[in-house]
C-alpha atoms as a PDB file:
ATOM      1  CA  MET A   1       0.000   0.000   0.000  1.00  0.00           C
ATOM      2  CA  GLN A   2       2.835   2.360   0.853  1.00  0.00           C
ATOM      3  CA  PHE A   3       4.515   1.506  -2.440  1.00  0.00           C
ATOM      4  CA  GLU A   4       1.335   2.021  -4.384  1.00  0.00           C
ATOM      5  CA  THR A   5       0.747   5.279  -2.532  1.00  0.00           C
ATOM      6  CA  ALA A   6       4.286   6.433  -3.413  1.00  0.00           C
ATOM      7  CA  GLU A   7       3.747   5.460  -7.022  1.00  0.00           C
ATOM      8  CA  LYS A   8       0.465   7.345  -7.134  1.00  0.00           C
ATOM      9  CA  GLU A   9       2.108  10.449  -5.685  1.00  0.00           C
ATOM     10  CA  LYS A  10       4.843  10.177  -8.297  1.00  0.00           C
ATOM     11  CA  ASN A  11       2.216   9.857 -11.018  1.00  0.00           C
ATOM     12  CA  ILE A  12       0.304  12.802  -9.607  1.00  0.00           C
ATOM     13  CA  LYS A  13       3.461  14.985  -9.545  1.00  0.00           C
ATOM     14  CA  PHE A  14       4.318  13.846 -13.068  1.00  0.00           C
ATOM     15  CA  LEU A  15       0.825  14.675 -14.246  1.00  0.00           C
ATOM     16  CA  GLU A  16       1.010  18.058 -12.501  1.00  0.00           C
ATOM     17  CA  LYS A  17       4.303  18.749 -14.261  1.00  0.00           C
ATOM     18  CA  GLU A  18       2.782  17.636 -17.557  1.00  0.00           C
ATOM     19  CA  ALA A  19      -0.189  19.902 -16.900  1.00  0.00           C
ATOM     20  CA  GLN A  20       2.096  22.857 -16.092  1.00  0.00           C
ATOM     21  CA  LEU A  21       4.182  22.185 -19.204  1.00  0.00           C
ATOM     22  CA  GLN A  22       1.058  21.855 -21.286  1.00  0.00           C
ATOM     23  CA  GLY A  23      -0.240  25.116 -19.808  1.00  0.00           C
ATOM     24  CA  ARG A  24       2.990  26.891 -20.690  1.00  0.00           C
ATOM     25  CA  LYS A  25       2.775  25.544 -24.240  1.00  0.00           C
ATOM     26  CA  LEU A  26      -0.809  26.679 -24.528  1.00  0.00           C
ATOM     27  CA  LEU A  27       0.146  30.124 -23.186  1.00  0.00           C
ATOM     28  CA  GLN A  28       3.069  30.387 -25.618  1.00  0.00           C
ATOM     29  CA  SER A  29       0.800  29.230 -28.427  1.00  0.00           C
ATOM     30  CA  ALA A  30      -1.779  31.857 -27.504  1.00  0.00           C
ATOM     31  CA  GLN A  31       0.896  34.566 -27.315  1.00  0.00           C
ATOM     32  CA  LEU A  32       2.288  33.440 -30.669  1.00  0.00           C
ATOM     33  CA  ARG A  33      -1.167  33.585 -32.231  1.00  0.00           C
ATOM     34  CA  MET A  34      -1.678  37.034 -30.708  1.00  0.00           C
ATOM     35  CA  TRP A  35       1.653  38.317 -32.048  1.00  0.00           C
ATOM     36  CA  SER A  36       0.937  36.737 -35.401  1.00  0.00           C
ATOM     37  CA  VAL A  37      -2.451  38.428 -35.571  1.00  0.00           C
ATOM     38  CA  ALA A  38      -0.855  41.736 -34.519  1.00  0.00           C
ATOM     39  CA  ALA A  39       1.851  41.325 -37.157  1.00  0.00           C
ATOM     40  CA  ILE A  40      -0.736  40.527 -39.803  1.00  0.00           C
ATOM     41  CA  ILE A  41      -2.812  43.523 -38.789  1.00  0.00           C
ATOM     42  CA  LEU A  42       0.323  45.727 -38.834  1.00  0.00           C
ATOM     43  CA  LEU A  43       1.315  44.347 -42.213  1.00  0.00           C
ATOM     44  CA  ILE A  44      -2.174  44.963 -43.595  1.00  0.00           C
ATOM     45  CA  ALA A  45      -2.102  48.499 -42.220  1.00  0.00           C
ATOM     46  CA  LEU A  46       1.351  49.068 -43.724  1.00  0.00           C
ATOM     47  CA  LEU A  47       0.220  47.691 -47.073  1.00  0.00           C
ATOM     48  CA  ALA A  48      -2.867  49.880 -46.931  1.00  0.00           C
ATOM     49  CA  ILE A  49      -0.713  52.951 -46.218  1.00  0.00           C
ATOM     50  CA  LEU A  50       1.681  52.063 -49.037  1.00  0.00           C
ATOM     51  CA  TYR A  51      -1.202  51.434 -51.406  1.00  0.00           C
ATOM     52  CA  ASN A  52      -2.825  54.725 -50.462  1.00  0.00           C
ATOM     53  CA  ARG A  53       0.447  56.605 -50.871  1.00  0.00           C
ATOM     54  CA  ASN A  54       1.066  54.936 -54.205  1.00  0.00           C
ATOM     55  CA  ARG A  55      -2.465  55.772 -55.324  1.00  0.00           C
ATOM     56  CA  LEU A  56      -1.992  59.403 -54.275  1.00  0.00           C
ATOM     57  CA  LYS A  57       1.401  59.462 -55.987  1.00  0.00           C
ATOM     58  CA  ASN A  58      -0.084  58.089 -59.188  1.00  0.00           C
ATOM     59  CA  LYS A  59      -2.907  60.594 -58.988  1.00  0.00           C
ATOM     60  CA  LYS A  60      -0.426  63.411 -58.442  1.00  0.00           C
ATOM     61  CA  ASN A  61       1.716  62.151 -61.306  1.00  0.00           C
ATOM     62  CA  ILE A  62      -1.331  62.141 -63.555  1.00  0.00           C
ATOM     63  CA  GLN A  63      -2.093  65.719 -62.496  1.00  0.00           C
ATOM     64  CA  LEU A  64       1.523  66.727 -63.116  1.00  0.00           C
ATOM     65  CA  GLU A  65       1.449  65.060 -66.520  1.00  0.00           C
ATOM     66  CA  ARG A  66      -1.729  66.938 -67.397  1.00  0.00           C
ATOM     67  CA  GLN A  67      -0.197  70.203 -66.175  1.00  0.00           C
ATOM     68  CA  GLN A  68       2.944  69.461 -68.166  1.00  0.00           C
ATOM     69  CA  GLU A  69       0.830  68.809 -71.241  1.00  0.00           C
ATOM     70  CA  ILE A  70      -0.910  72.151 -70.697  1.00  0.00           C
ATOM     71  CA  ILE A  71       2.452  73.892 -70.236  1.00  0.00           C
ATOM     72  CA  ASN A  72       3.860  72.213 -73.342  1.00  0.00           C
ATOM     73  CA  TYR A  73       0.816  73.256 -75.316  1.00  0.00           C
ATOM     74  CA  LYS A  74       1.115  76.833 -74.095  1.00  0.00           C
ATOM     75  CA  ASN A  75       4.868  76.851 -74.835  1.00  0.00           C
ATOM     76  CA  LEU A  76       4.162  75.541 -78.311  1.00  0.00           C
ATOM     77  CA  SER A  77       1.521  78.221 -78.802  1.00  0.00           C
ATOM     78  CA  LEU A  78       3.909  80.920 -77.562  1.00  0.00           C
ATOM     79  CA  SER A  79       6.656  79.581 -79.801  1.00  0.00           C
ATOM     80  CA  GLN A  80       4.304  79.697 -82.772  1.00  0.00           C
ATOM     81  CA  LEU A  81       3.278  83.253 -81.855  1.00  0.00           C
ATOM     82  CA  VAL A  82       6.931  84.305 -81.596  1.00  0.00           C
ATOM     83  CA  GLN A  83       7.684  82.713 -84.963  1.00  0.00           C
ATOM     84  CA  GLU A  84       4.656  84.412 -86.491  1.00  0.00           C
ATOM     85  CA  LYS A  85       5.733  87.742 -84.994  1.00  0.00           C
ATOM     86  CA  GLU A  86       9.266  87.317 -86.332  1.00  0.00           C
ATOM     87  CA  TRP A  87       7.897  86.358 -89.726  1.00  0.00           C
ATOM     88  CA  LEU A  88       5.586  89.373 -89.733  1.00  0.00           C
ATOM     89  CA  LEU A  89       8.434  91.714 -88.730  1.00  0.00           C
ATOM     90  CA  LYS A  90      10.633  90.218 -91.406  1.00  0.00           C
ATOM     91  CA  GLU A  91       7.851  90.574 -93.948  1.00  0.00           C
ATOM     92  CA  VAL A  92       7.256  94.201 -92.888  1.00  0.00           C
ATOM     93  CA  HIS A  93      10.929  95.079 -93.407  1.00  0.00           C
ATOM     94  CA  HIS A  94      10.879  93.266 -96.746  1.00  0.00           C
ATOM     95  CA  ARG A  95       7.772  95.102 -97.922  1.00  0.00           C
ATOM     96  CA  VAL A  96       9.098  98.474 -96.716  1.00  0.00           C
ATOM     97  CA  LYS A  97      12.353  97.832 -98.566  1.00  0.00           C
ATOM     98  CA  ASN A  98      10.444  96.867-101.714  1.00  0.00           C
ATOM     99  CA  ASN A  99       8.242  99.962-101.464  1.00  0.00           C
ATOM    100  CA  LEU A 100      11.288 102.191-101.036  1.00  0.00           C
ATOM    101  CA  GLN A 101      12.912 100.495-104.009  1.00  0.00           C
ATOM    102  CA  THR A 102       9.758 101.205-106.008  1.00  0.00           C
ATOM    103  CA  VAL A 103       9.945 104.886-105.050  1.00  0.00           C
ATOM    104  CA  THR A 104      13.617 104.907-106.039  1.00  0.00           C
ATOM    105  CA  SER A 105      12.744 103.404-109.416  1.00  0.00           C
ATOM    106  CA  LEU A 106      10.078 106.068-109.923  1.00  0.00           C
ATOM    107  CA  LEU A 107      12.591 108.794-109.104  1.00  0.00           C
ATOM    108  CA  ASN A 108      15.063 107.250-111.534  1.00  0.00           C
ATOM    109  CA  SER A 109      12.414 107.195-114.247  1.00  0.00           C
ATOM    110  CA  GLN A 110      11.546 110.810-113.523  1.00  0.00           C
ATOM    111  CA  ALA A 111      15.207 111.818-113.558  1.00  0.00           C
ATOM    112  CA  ASP A 112      15.694 110.238-116.984  1.00  0.00           C
ATOM    113  CA  ILE A 113      13.299 112.734-118.594  1.00  0.00           C
ATOM    114  CA  ILE A 114      14.642 115.806-116.779  1.00  0.00           C
ATOM    115  CA  GLY A 115      17.643 117.734-117.977  1.00  0.00           C
ATOM    116  CA  GLU A 116      20.512 119.018-115.922  1.00  0.00           C
ATOM    117  CA  GLY A 117      19.521 121.472-113.220  1.00  0.00           C
ATOM    118  CA  PRO A 118      18.305 121.874-109.655  1.00  0.00           C
ATOM    119  CA  VAL A 119      15.274 119.646-110.225  1.00  0.00           C
ATOM    120  CA  LEU A 120      17.465 116.736-111.289  1.00  0.00           C
ATOM    121  CA  ASP A 121      19.791 117.349-108.355  1.00  0.00           C
ATOM    122  CA  ALA A 122      16.821 117.276-105.964  1.00  0.00           C
ATOM    123  CA  LEU A 123      15.602 113.985-107.456  1.00  0.00           C
ATOM    124  CA  VAL A 124      19.062 112.417-107.115  1.00  0.00           C
ATOM    125  CA  GLU A 125      19.373 113.607-103.519  1.00  0.00           C
ATOM    126  CA  GLY A 126      15.935 112.212-102.715  1.00  0.00           C
ATOM    127  CA  ARG A 127      16.903 108.881-104.301  1.00  0.00           C
ATOM    128  CA  HIS A 128      20.024 108.698-102.129  1.00  0.00           C
ATOM    129  CA  ARG A 129      18.034 109.386 -98.972  1.00  0.00           C
ATOM    130  CA  ILE A 130      15.471 106.724 -99.808  1.00  0.00           C
ATOM    131  CA  GLN A 131      18.190 104.222-100.653  1.00  0.00           C
ATOM    132  CA  ALA A 132      19.898 104.889 -97.304  1.00  0.00           C
ATOM    133  CA  MET A 133      16.682 103.893 -95.524  1.00  0.00           C
ATOM    134  CA  ALA A 134      16.016 100.940 -97.831  1.00  0.00           C
ATOM    135  CA  MET A 135      19.458  99.530 -97.027  1.00  0.00           C
ATOM    136  CA  ILE A 136      18.566  99.506 -93.316  1.00  0.00           C
ATOM    137  CA  HIS A 137      15.380  97.519 -93.899  1.00  0.00           C
ATOM    138  CA  GLN A 138      17.215  95.168 -96.255  1.00  0.00           C
ATOM    139  CA  ARG A 139      19.831  94.542 -93.553  1.00  0.00           C
ATOM    140  CA  LEU A 140      17.146  93.901 -90.920  1.00  0.00           C
ATOM    141  CA  TYR A 141      15.350  91.541 -93.307  1.00  0.00           C
ATOM    142  CA  ASN A 142      18.521  89.481 -93.748  1.00  0.00           C
ATOM    143  CA  THR A 143      19.247  89.095 -90.013  1.00  0.00           C
ATOM    144  CA  ASP A 144      17.533  87.441 -87.054  1.00  0.00           C
ATOM    145  CA  ASP A 145      17.526  90.649 -85.002  1.00  0.00           C
ATOM    146  CA  TYR A 146      14.765  92.851 -86.367  1.00  0.00           C
ATOM    147  CA  ASN A 147      15.470  95.950 -84.281  1.00  0.00           C
ATOM    148  CA  LEU A 148      19.252  96.412 -84.134  1.00  0.00           C
ATOM    149  CA  VAL A 149      21.380  97.526 -87.063  1.00  0.00           C
ATOM    150  CA  SER A 150      25.086  96.692 -87.162  1.00  0.00           C
ATOM    151  CA  MET A 151      26.616 100.091 -87.840  1.00  0.00           C
ATOM    152  CA  PRO A 152      30.104  98.943 -88.955  1.00  0.00           C
ATOM    153  CA  SER A 153      28.802  96.859 -91.833  1.00  0.00           C
ATOM    154  CA  TYR A 154      25.965  99.278 -92.634  1.00  0.00           C
ATOM    155  CA  ILE A 155      28.211 102.372 -92.831  1.00  0.00           C
ATOM    156  CA  SER A 156      30.659 100.451 -95.010  1.00  0.00           C
ATOM    157  CA  GLU A 157      27.808  99.482 -97.348  1.00  0.00           C
ATOM    158  CA  LEU A 158      26.444 103.053 -97.438  1.00  0.00           C
ATOM    159  CA  VAL A 159      29.871 104.491 -98.241  1.00  0.00           C
ATOM    160  CA  ASP A 160      30.306 101.975-101.066  1.00  0.00           C
ATOM    161  CA  TYR A 161      26.900 102.955-102.459  1.00  0.00           C
ATOM    162  CA  LEU A 162      27.718 106.703-102.385  1.00  0.00           C
ATOM    163  CA  LYS A 163      31.161 106.102-103.913  1.00  0.00           C
ATOM    164  CA  GLU A 164      29.523 104.178-106.726  1.00  0.00           C
ATOM    165  CA  SER A 165      26.865 106.882-107.199  1.00  0.00           C
ATOM    166  CA  PHE A 166      29.242 109.890-107.282  1.00  0.00           C
ATOM    167  CA  ASN A 167      32.143 107.926-108.807  1.00  0.00           C
ATOM    168  CA  PRO A 168      35.013 110.044-107.406  1.00  0.00           C
ATOM    169  CA  GLY A 169      37.518 107.407-108.444  1.00  0.00           C
ATOM    170  CA  THR A 170      40.748 107.182-106.474  1.00  0.00           C
ATOM    171  CA  ARG A 171      41.121 110.920-105.885  1.00  0.00           C
ATOM    172  CA  ILE A 172      39.004 110.756-102.704  1.00  0.00           C
ATOM    173  CA  ILE A 173      40.000 108.294 -99.984  1.00  0.00           C
ATOM    174  CA  PHE A 174      37.548 107.153 -97.330  1.00  0.00           C
ATOM    175  CA  LYS A 175      38.673 106.250 -93.834  1.00  0.00           C
ATOM    176  CA  LEU A 176      36.205 104.510 -91.531  1.00  0.00           C
ATOM    177  CA  PHE A 177      36.680 104.198 -87.782  1.00  0.00           C
ATOM    178  CA  ILE A 178      33.505 102.569 -86.514  1.00  0.00           C
ATOM    179  CA  ASP A 179      33.273 101.084 -83.027  1.00  0.00           C
ATOM    180  CA  PRO A 180      31.642  97.620 -82.818  1.00  0.00           C
ATOM    181  CA  VAL A 181      28.158  98.755 -81.850  1.00  0.00           C
ATOM    182  CA  ALA A 182      24.633  98.516 -83.195  1.00  0.00           C
ATOM    183  CA  LEU A 183      21.822 101.055 -82.987  1.00  0.00           C
ATOM    184  CA  ASN A 184      18.139 100.486 -82.645  1.00  0.00           C
ATOM    185  CA  LEU A 185      15.898 101.340 -85.545  1.00  0.00           C
ATOM    186  CA  SER A 186      14.762 104.669 -84.086  1.00  0.00           C
ATOM    187  CA  ALA A 187      18.378 105.881 -83.964  1.00  0.00           C
ATOM    188  CA  ALA A 188      19.771 104.034 -86.999  1.00  0.00           C
ATOM    189  CA  VAL A 189      17.478 105.728 -89.539  1.00  0.00           C
ATOM    190  CA  PRO A 190      18.337 109.329 -88.498  1.00  0.00           C
ATOM    191  CA  ILE A 191      22.041 108.450 -88.336  1.00  0.00           C
ATOM    192  CA  ALA A 192      21.819 106.866 -91.800  1.00  0.00           C
ATOM    193  CA  LEU A 193      20.201 110.000 -93.265  1.00  0.00           C
ATOM    194  CA  ILE A 194      22.736 112.255 -91.533  1.00  0.00           C
ATOM    195  CA  LEU A 195      25.592 110.188 -92.939  1.00  0.00           C
ATOM    196  CA  ASN A 196      24.030 110.316 -96.393  1.00  0.00           C
ATOM    197  CA  GLU A 197      23.733 114.123 -96.248  1.00  0.00           C
ATOM    198  CA  THR A 198      27.201 114.813 -94.862  1.00  0.00           C
ATOM    199  CA  ILE A 199      29.061 112.399 -97.161  1.00  0.00           C
ATOM    200  CA  SER A 200      27.043 113.507-100.208  1.00  0.00           C
ATOM    201  CA  ASN A 201      27.772 117.189 -99.472  1.00  0.00           C
ATOM    202  CA  SER A 202      31.478 116.434 -99.116  1.00  0.00           C
ATOM    203  CA  LEU A 203      31.543 114.544-102.407  1.00  0.00           C
ATOM    204  CA  LYS A 204      29.542 117.204-104.279  1.00  0.00           C
ATOM    205  CA  HIS A 205      30.981 120.432-102.885  1.00  0.00           C
ATOM    206  CA  GLY A 206      34.136 119.656-100.915  1.00  0.00           C
ATOM    207  CA  PHE A 207      36.473 118.688-103.743  1.00  0.00           C
ATOM    208  CA  PRO A 208      35.783 120.766-106.864  1.00  0.00           C
ATOM    209  CA  GLY A 209      37.923 120.580-109.985  1.00  0.00           C
ATOM    210  CA  LYS A 210      39.139 117.005-109.516  1.00  0.00           C
ATOM    211  CA  ARG A 211      40.701 117.948-106.206  1.00  0.00           C
ATOM    212  CA  GLU A 212      42.059 115.049-104.151  1.00  0.00           C
ATOM    213  CA  GLY A 213      41.309 114.563-100.497  1.00  0.00           C
ATOM    214  CA  THR A 214      40.105 112.377 -97.671  1.00  0.00           C
ATOM    215  CA  ILE A 215      36.737 111.846 -96.006  1.00  0.00           C
ATOM    216  CA  THR A 216      36.849 110.344 -92.528  1.00  0.00           C
ATOM    217  CA  VAL A 217      33.805 108.778 -90.877  1.00  0.00           C
ATOM    218  CA  GLU A 218      33.917 107.932 -87.177  1.00  0.00           C
ATOM    219  CA  LEU A 219      31.354 106.456 -84.816  1.00  0.00           C
ATOM    220  CA  GLN A 220      32.684 106.244 -81.290  1.00  0.00           C
ATOM    221  CA  SER A 221      31.162 104.584 -78.256  1.00  0.00           C
ATOM    222  CA  PHE A 222      32.169 105.837 -74.823  1.00  0.00           C
ATOM    223  CA  GLY A 223      31.363 102.598 -72.992  1.00  0.00           C
ATOM    224  CA  GLY A 224      27.771 103.540 -72.195  1.00  0.00           C
ATOM    225  CA  ARG A 225      24.842 104.957 -74.109  1.00  0.00           C
ATOM    226  CA  THR A 226      26.727 108.028 -75.372  1.00  0.00           C
ATOM    227  CA  LYS A 227      27.899 107.916 -78.976  1.00  0.00           C
ATOM    228  CA  LEU A 228      29.767 110.378 -81.182  1.00  0.00           C
ATOM    229  CA  LEU A 229      29.272 110.537 -84.948  1.00  0.00           C
ATOM    230  CA  LYS A 230      31.923 112.497 -86.811  1.00  0.00           C
ATOM    231  CA  VAL A 231      32.315 113.166 -90.541  1.00  0.00           C
ATOM    232  CA  VAL A 232      35.400 115.156 -91.536  1.00  0.00           C
ATOM    233  CA  ASP A 233      36.777 116.109 -94.950  1.00  0.00           C
ATOM    234  CA  ASP A 234      39.873 118.093 -95.901  1.00  0.00           C
ATOM    235  CA  GLY A 235      38.213 119.814 -98.835  1.00  0.00           C
ATOM    236  CA  ILE A 236      37.594 123.509 -99.474  1.00  0.00           C
ATOM    237  CA  GLY A 237      35.258 123.762 -96.497  1.00  0.00           C
ATOM    238  CA  MET A 238      31.755 125.091 -96.071  1.00  0.00           C
ATOM    239  CA  PRO A 239      31.174 128.475 -97.718  1.00  0.00           C
ATOM    240  CA  ALA A 240      31.173 131.422 -95.350  1.00  0.00           C
ATOM    241  CA  SER A 241      27.797 132.462 -96.742  1.00  0.00           C
ATOM    242  CA  VAL A 242      26.167 129.464 -95.053  1.00  0.00           C
ATOM    243  CA  ASP A 243      24.774 130.455 -91.654  1.00  0.00           C
ATOM    244  CA  GLU A 244      24.775 127.512 -89.252  1.00  0.00           C
ATOM    245  CA  ALA A 245      22.075 129.034 -87.063  1.00  0.00           C
ATOM    246  CA  ASN A 246      19.718 129.686 -89.990  1.00  0.00           C
ATOM    247  CA  PRO A 247      20.923 127.482 -92.845  1.00  0.00           C
ATOM    248  CA  ASN A 248      19.379 127.994 -96.267  1.00  0.00           C
ATOM    249  CA  SER A 249      20.566 124.575 -97.406  1.00  0.00           C
ATOM    250  CA  PHE A 250      17.929 121.870 -97.141  1.00  0.00           C
ATOM    251  CA  GLY A 251      20.679 119.372 -96.293  1.00  0.00           C
ATOM    252  CA  LEU A 252      21.829 121.353 -93.253  1.00  0.00           C
ATOM    253  CA  ARG A 253      18.240 121.886 -92.109  1.00  0.00           C
ATOM    254  CA  LEU A 254      17.680 118.143 -92.457  1.00  0.00           C
ATOM    255  CA  ILE A 255      20.822 117.336 -90.475  1.00  0.00           C
ATOM    256  CA  ARG A 256      19.798 119.726 -87.722  1.00  0.00           C
ATOM    257  CA  GLY A 257      16.269 118.294 -87.592  1.00  0.00           C
ATOM    258  CA  LEU A 258      17.502 114.689 -87.504  1.00  0.00           C
ATOM    259  CA  THR A 259      19.949 115.571 -84.737  1.00  0.00           C
ATOM    260  CA  SER A 260      17.058 116.996 -82.758  1.00  0.00           C
ATOM    261  CA  ASP A 261      15.074 113.771 -83.347  1.00  0.00           C
ATOM    262  CA  ILE A 262      17.717 111.715 -81.525  1.00  0.00           C
ATOM    263  CA  SER A 263      18.213 114.449 -78.862  1.00  0.00           C
ATOM    264  CA  GLY A 264      21.760 115.003 -80.049  1.00  0.00           C
ATOM    265  CA  THR A 265      24.090 117.980 -80.095  1.00  0.00           C
ATOM    266  CA  LEU A 266      25.375 119.249 -83.455  1.00  0.00           C
ATOM    267  CA  LYS A 267      28.757 120.915 -83.870  1.00  0.00           C
ATOM    268  CA  ILE A 268      30.115 122.182 -87.224  1.00  0.00           C
ATOM    269  CA  ALA A 269      33.720 123.283 -87.752  1.00  0.00           C
ATOM    270  CA  ARG A 270      35.111 124.915 -90.925  1.00  0.00           C
ATOM    271  CA  ALA A 271      38.884 124.809 -90.319  1.00  0.00           C
ATOM    272  CA  ASN A 272      40.891 122.869 -92.941  1.00  0.00           C
ATOM    273  CA  GLY A 273      37.749 121.505 -94.552  1.00  0.00           C
ATOM    274  CA  THR A 274      34.439 120.690 -92.925  1.00  0.00           C
ATOM    275  CA  SER A 275      33.847 118.752 -89.700  1.00  0.00           C
ATOM    276  CA  ILE A 276      30.421 117.729 -88.464  1.00  0.00           C
ATOM    277  CA  GLU A 277      30.107 116.151 -85.006  1.00  0.00           C
ATOM    278  CA  ILE A 278      26.938 114.828 -83.409  1.00  0.00           C
ATOM    279  CA  LEU A 279      26.896 113.668 -79.794  1.00  0.00           C
ATOM    280  CA  PHE A 280      23.859 111.561 -78.888  1.00  0.00           C
ATOM    281  CA  ASP A 281      22.597 108.863 -76.505  1.00  0.00           C
ATOM    282  CA  VAL A 282      20.942 105.540 -77.324  1.00  0.00           C
ATOM    283  CA  ASN A 283      18.965 103.113 -75.177  1.00  0.00           C
ATOM    284  CA  ASP A 284      19.621  99.764 -76.895  1.00  0.00           C
ATOM    285  CA  GLU A 285      22.820  98.552 -78.464  1.00  0.00           C
ATOM    286  CA  ALA A 286      24.710  95.369 -79.285  1.00  0.00           C
ATOM    287  CA  ARG A 287      28.335  94.666 -80.119  1.00  0.00           C
ATOM    288  CA  PHE A 288      29.636  93.403 -83.430  1.00  0.00           C
ATOM    289  CA  PRO A 289      33.074  92.758 -84.944  1.00  0.00           C
ATOM    290  CA  THR A 290      35.253  95.840 -85.376  1.00  0.00           C
ATOM    291  CA  LEU A 291      35.472  97.392 -88.835  1.00  0.00           C
ATOM    292  CA  SER A 292      39.077  98.117 -89.797  1.00  0.00           C
ATOM    293  CA  PRO A 293      39.923 101.490 -91.422  1.00  0.00           C
ATOM    294  CA  THR A 294      39.649 101.469 -95.223  1.00  0.00           C
END
């Protein structure tokens, strides 16, 4: 009986230990299930957040793509408008040049039926003035900048045109000292007409009787907006009968009026020939290669 009792006690203790071990396993299993459920819930929440963020990102990307399409469309429209504007400006300069050439042709036709005299001289002078303006529009038509005129190349072209028109030969030498600047259209046209008048007057009146001499054209830039135009010849000089304050010559009146148009200051000197200086300011300019003296 004692042995059986001892065996029963051992069995009871063993069963108690088994029960405790089983309880621990059940507890661990329950905790594991709880942590697994928590992990699953956390994973689902994380996936939901990622999905939501990805959906918002895709939605935002779609919005950005639509905005980019709108911007691209507007840029394309603006580019087309700019191209149309440039084409229109180019066409305007081309048409103005053609119209001026037509006027020049009409003056040439009129001059052909008029004999020598002041009327013919006036027609020739008018043709030179119109051609000086037509050359500006032709130069603007042939470039991509429709507002700035390269003065070095333009003055060289104008001098060549006047030399060909008056045909002084080799007895008159031209010297050009033109700084590498460009003038806007509002300043280039008056300067072109002033150059035409001063150079034409020197060629017509400064060197009578096959006299030899030199005509110097300078356009200086003082590093800012201030420019100095200077035309000097070593001819016989301006007649003393010409009053600078009240000139009877249409050319001098034109030069004075054009100088006033660009708010410039005119200075005329008569020593050792004729010197005309015009100091003026410009708002827009650009730089171009330097023109060497010729």
